[in-house]
Amino acid sequence: MGSSPKPQKTCPVCNRPFEWRAKWRKNWDDVKYCSKRCASNRHRLKQR
């Protein structure tokens, strides 16, 4: 049983790809960061 590929996005903080997760089912379009850690470090984007 092969599963279909999951959608991916790239985290703007760490530049790593991350896949869709079931907990993001309702708000995948609004998800920007791969983790809470990156979300809390988003201010680093402005310093670059």
PDB file of N, CA and C in Angstrom:
ATOM      1  N   MET A   1       0.833  -1.193   0.000  1.00  0.00           N
ATOM      2  CA  MET A   1       0.000   0.000   0.000  1.00  0.00           C
ATOM      3  C   MET A   1       0.870   1.246   0.000  1.00  0.00           C
ATOM      4  N   GLY A   2       0.952   1.902  -1.120  1.00  0.00           N
ATOM      5  CA  GLY A   2       1.731   3.127  -1.200  1.00  0.00           C
ATOM      6  C   GLY A   2       0.875   4.330  -0.876  1.00  0.00           C
ATOM      7  N   SER A   3       1.399   5.184  -0.055  1.00  0.00           N
ATOM      8  CA  SER A   3       0.653   6.398   0.266  1.00  0.00           C
ATOM      9  C   SER A   3       1.045   7.501  -0.706  1.00  0.00           C
ATOM     10  N   SER A   4       0.146   8.416  -0.927  1.00  0.00           N
ATOM     11  CA  SER A   4       0.442   9.513  -1.837  1.00  0.00           C
ATOM     12  C   SER A   4       1.408  10.480  -1.162  1.00  0.00           C
ATOM     13  N   PRO A   5       2.224  11.166  -1.958  1.00  0.00           N
ATOM     14  CA  PRO A   5       3.184  12.105  -1.355  1.00  0.00           C
ATOM     15  C   PRO A   5       2.464  13.247  -0.640  1.00  0.00           C
ATOM     16  N   LYS A   6       3.022  13.642   0.472  1.00  0.00           N
ATOM     17  CA  LYS A   6       2.434  14.715   1.269  1.00  0.00           C
ATOM     18  C   LYS A   6       2.955  16.057   0.767  1.00  0.00           C
ATOM     19  N   PRO A   7       2.118  17.092   0.855  1.00  0.00           N
ATOM     20  CA  PRO A   7       2.581  18.426   0.441  1.00  0.00           C
ATOM     21  C   PRO A   7       3.740  18.898   1.319  1.00  0.00           C
ATOM     22  N   GLN A   8       4.620  19.675   0.740  1.00  0.00           N
ATOM     23  CA  GLN A   8       5.764  20.206   1.474  1.00  0.00           C
ATOM     24  C   GLN A   8       5.812  21.722   1.385  1.00  0.00           C
ATOM     25  N   LYS A   9       6.436  22.308   2.392  1.00  0.00           N
ATOM     26  CA  LYS A   9       6.754  23.733   2.397  1.00  0.00           C
ATOM     27  C   LYS A   9       8.176  23.869   2.914  1.00  0.00           C
ATOM     28  N   THR A  10       8.761  25.030   2.733  1.00  0.00           N
ATOM     29  CA  THR A  10      10.098  25.311   3.259  1.00  0.00           C
ATOM     30  C   THR A  10       9.976  26.350   4.359  1.00  0.00           C
ATOM     31  N   CYS A  11      10.571  26.065   5.486  1.00  0.00           N
ATOM     32  CA  CYS A  11      10.535  26.985   6.626  1.00  0.00           C
ATOM     33  C   CYS A  11      11.422  28.192   6.317  1.00  0.00           C
ATOM     34  N   PRO A  12      10.903  29.406   6.447  1.00  0.00           N
ATOM     35  CA  PRO A  12      11.708  30.596   6.136  1.00  0.00           C
ATOM     36  C   PRO A  12      12.806  30.887   7.159  1.00  0.00           C
ATOM     37  N   VAL A  13      12.750  30.267   8.325  1.00  0.00           N
ATOM     38  CA  VAL A  13      13.760  30.510   9.358  1.00  0.00           C
ATOM     39  C   VAL A  13      14.957  29.579   9.182  1.00  0.00           C
ATOM     40  N   CYS A  14      14.694  28.272   9.096  1.00  0.00           N
ATOM     41  CA  CYS A  14      15.789  27.305   9.017  1.00  0.00           C
ATOM     42  C   CYS A  14      16.049  26.807   7.595  1.00  0.00           C
ATOM     43  N   ASN A  15      15.189  27.194   6.653  1.00  0.00           N
ATOM     44  CA  ASN A  15      15.307  26.806   5.241  1.00  0.00           C
ATOM     45  C   ASN A  15      15.264  25.303   5.014  1.00  0.00           C
ATOM     46  N   ARG A  16      14.608  24.584   5.897  1.00  0.00           N
ATOM     47  CA  ARG A  16      14.453  23.139   5.739  1.00  0.00           C
ATOM     48  C   ARG A  16      13.036  22.835   5.269  1.00  0.00           C
ATOM     49  N   PRO A  17      12.892  21.804   4.437  1.00  0.00           N
ATOM     50  CA  PRO A  17      11.546  21.418   4.018  1.00  0.00           C
ATOM     51  C   PRO A  17      10.820  20.686   5.141  1.00  0.00           C
ATOM     52  N   PHE A  18       9.517  20.878   5.214  1.00  0.00           N
ATOM     53  CA  PHE A  18       8.709  20.120   6.167  1.00  0.00           C
ATOM     54  C   PHE A  18       7.431  19.690   5.494  1.00  0.00           C
ATOM     55  N   GLU A  19       6.900  18.542   5.932  1.00  0.00           N
ATOM     56  CA  GLU A  19       5.731  17.941   5.305  1.00  0.00           C
ATOM     57  C   GLU A  19       4.460  18.242   6.081  1.00  0.00           C
ATOM     58  N   TRP A  20       3.361  18.086   5.375  1.00  0.00           N
ATOM     59  CA  TRP A  20       2.035  18.216   5.962  1.00  0.00           C
ATOM     60  C   TRP A  20       1.901  17.251   7.118  1.00  0.00           C
ATOM     61  N   ARG A  21       1.236  17.689   8.190  1.00  0.00           N
ATOM     62  CA  ARG A  21       0.964  16.842   9.348  1.00  0.00           C
ATOM     63  C   ARG A  21      -0.528  16.916   9.650  1.00  0.00           C
ATOM     64  N   ALA A  22      -1.034  15.844  10.221  1.00  0.00           N
ATOM     65  CA  ALA A  22      -2.475  15.755  10.486  1.00  0.00           C
ATOM     66  C   ALA A  22      -2.960  16.901  11.368  1.00  0.00           C
ATOM     67  N   LYS A  23      -2.125  17.377  12.287  1.00  0.00           N
ATOM     68  CA  LYS A  23      -2.572  18.463  13.168  1.00  0.00           C
ATOM     69  C   LYS A  23      -2.754  19.788  12.420  1.00  0.00           C
ATOM     70  N   TRP A  24      -2.183  19.874  11.207  1.00  0.00           N
ATOM     71  CA  TRP A  24      -2.337  21.075  10.390  1.00  0.00           C
ATOM     72  C   TRP A  24      -3.437  20.919   9.353  1.00  0.00           C
ATOM     73  N   ARG A  25      -4.267  19.911   9.477  1.00  0.00           N
ATOM     74  CA  ARG A  25      -5.302  19.598   8.483  1.00  0.00           C
ATOM     75  C   ARG A  25      -6.183  20.804   8.170  1.00  0.00           C
ATOM     76  N   LYS A  26      -6.604  21.526   9.193  1.00  0.00           N
ATOM     77  CA  LYS A  26      -7.557  22.628   9.009  1.00  0.00           C
ATOM     78  C   LYS A  26      -6.901  23.944   8.610  1.00  0.00           C
ATOM     79  N   ASN A  27      -5.608  24.108   8.872  1.00  0.00           N
ATOM     80  CA  ASN A  27      -4.983  25.404   8.596  1.00  0.00           C
ATOM     81  C   ASN A  27      -3.636  25.294   7.862  1.00  0.00           C
ATOM     82  N   TRP A  28      -3.493  24.326   6.982  1.00  0.00           N
ATOM     83  CA  TRP A  28      -2.233  24.125   6.254  1.00  0.00           C
ATOM     84  C   TRP A  28      -1.826  25.374   5.469  1.00  0.00           C
ATOM     85  N   ASP A  29      -2.787  26.082   4.917  1.00  0.00           N
ATOM     86  CA  ASP A  29      -2.466  27.291   4.157  1.00  0.00           C
ATOM     87  C   ASP A  29      -1.854  28.382   5.025  1.00  0.00           C
ATOM     88  N   ASP A  30      -2.145  28.368   6.321  1.00  0.00           N
ATOM     89  CA  ASP A  30      -1.631  29.387   7.229  1.00  0.00           C
ATOM     90  C   ASP A  30      -0.316  28.996   7.894  1.00  0.00           C
ATOM     91  N   VAL A  31       0.093  27.737   7.776  1.00  0.00           N
ATOM     92  CA  VAL A  31       1.322  27.262   8.429  1.00  0.00           C
ATOM     93  C   VAL A  31       2.524  27.825   7.677  1.00  0.00           C
ATOM     94  N   LYS A  32       3.434  28.478   8.418  1.00  0.00           N
ATOM     95  CA  LYS A  32       4.621  29.070   7.799  1.00  0.00           C
ATOM     96  C   LYS A  32       5.912  28.455   8.336  1.00  0.00           C
ATOM     97  N   TYR A  33       5.899  28.012   9.577  1.00  0.00           N
ATOM     98  CA  TYR A  33       7.116  27.549  10.237  1.00  0.00           C
ATOM     99  C   TYR A  33       7.026  26.066  10.554  1.00  0.00           C
ATOM    100  N   CYS A  34       8.160  25.386  10.557  1.00  0.00           N
ATOM    101  CA  CYS A  34       8.182  23.941  10.764  1.00  0.00           C
ATOM    102  C   CYS A  34       7.984  23.554  12.224  1.00  0.00           C
ATOM    103  N   SER A  35       8.237  24.476  13.140  1.00  0.00           N
ATOM    104  CA  SER A  35       8.160  24.143  14.561  1.00  0.00           C
ATOM    105  C   SER A  35       7.892  25.389  15.392  1.00  0.00           C
ATOM    106  N   LYS A  36       7.583  25.170  16.642  1.00  0.00           N
ATOM    107  CA  LYS A  36       7.399  26.299  17.563  1.00  0.00           C
ATOM    108  C   LYS A  36       8.715  27.041  17.754  1.00  0.00           C
ATOM    109  N   ARG A  37       9.802  26.317  17.713  1.00  0.00           N
ATOM    110  CA  ARG A  37      11.115  26.937  17.875  1.00  0.00           C
ATOM    111  C   ARG A  37      11.379  27.943  16.750  1.00  0.00           C
ATOM    112  N   CYS A  38      11.104  27.531  15.516  1.00  0.00           N
ATOM    113  CA  CYS A  38      11.305  28.456  14.391  1.00  0.00           C
ATOM    114  C   CYS A  38      10.318  29.615  14.444  1.00  0.00           C
ATOM    115  N   ALA A  39       9.105  29.348  14.864  1.00  0.00           N
ATOM    116  CA  ALA A  39       8.120  30.425  14.973  1.00  0.00           C
ATOM    117  C   ALA A  39       8.565  31.468  15.992  1.00  0.00           C
ATOM    118  N   SER A  40       9.193  31.019  17.076  1.00  0.00           N
ATOM    119  CA  SER A  40       9.644  31.971  18.087  1.00  0.00           C
ATOM    120  C   SER A  40      10.930  32.681  17.669  1.00  0.00           C
ATOM    121  N   ASN A  41      11.640  32.116  16.698  1.00  0.00           N
ATOM    122  CA  ASN A  41      12.874  32.735  16.196  1.00  0.00           C
ATOM    123  C   ASN A  41      12.653  33.494  14.887  1.00  0.00           C
ATOM    124  N   ARG A  42      11.402  33.790  14.546  1.00  0.00           N
ATOM    125  CA  ARG A  42      11.115  34.446  13.272  1.00  0.00           C
ATOM    126  C   ARG A  42      11.718  35.843  13.183  1.00  0.00           C
ATOM    127  N   HIS A  43      12.023  36.450  14.316  1.00  0.00           N
ATOM    128  CA  HIS A  43      12.638  37.777  14.289  1.00  0.00           C
ATOM    129  C   HIS A  43      14.021  37.745  13.663  1.00  0.00           C
ATOM    130  N   ARG A  44      14.644  36.572  13.574  1.00  0.00           N
ATOM    131  CA  ARG A  44      15.957  36.443  12.941  1.00  0.00           C
ATOM    132  C   ARG A  44      15.909  36.779  11.450  1.00  0.00           C
ATOM    133  N   LEU A  45      14.751  36.577  10.840  1.00  0.00           N
ATOM    134  CA  LEU A  45      14.610  36.876   9.409  1.00  0.00           C
ATOM    135  C   LEU A  45      14.875  38.348   9.128  1.00  0.00           C
ATOM    136  N   LYS A  46      14.464  39.211  10.028  1.00  0.00           N
ATOM    137  CA  LYS A  46      14.632  40.651   9.812  1.00  0.00           C
ATOM    138  C   LYS A  46      16.067  41.091  10.018  1.00  0.00           C
ATOM    139  N   GLN A  47      16.852  40.311  10.769  1.00  0.00           N
ATOM    140  CA  GLN A  47      18.228  40.677  11.070  1.00  0.00           C
ATOM    141  C   GLN A  47      19.191  40.297   9.952  1.00  0.00           C
ATOM    142  N   ARG A  48      18.771  39.441   9.011  1.00  0.00           N
ATOM    143  CA  ARG A  48      19.680  38.991   7.941  1.00  0.00           C
ATOM    144  C   ARG A  48      19.860  40.031   6.881  1.00  0.00           C
TER     145      ARG A  48
END
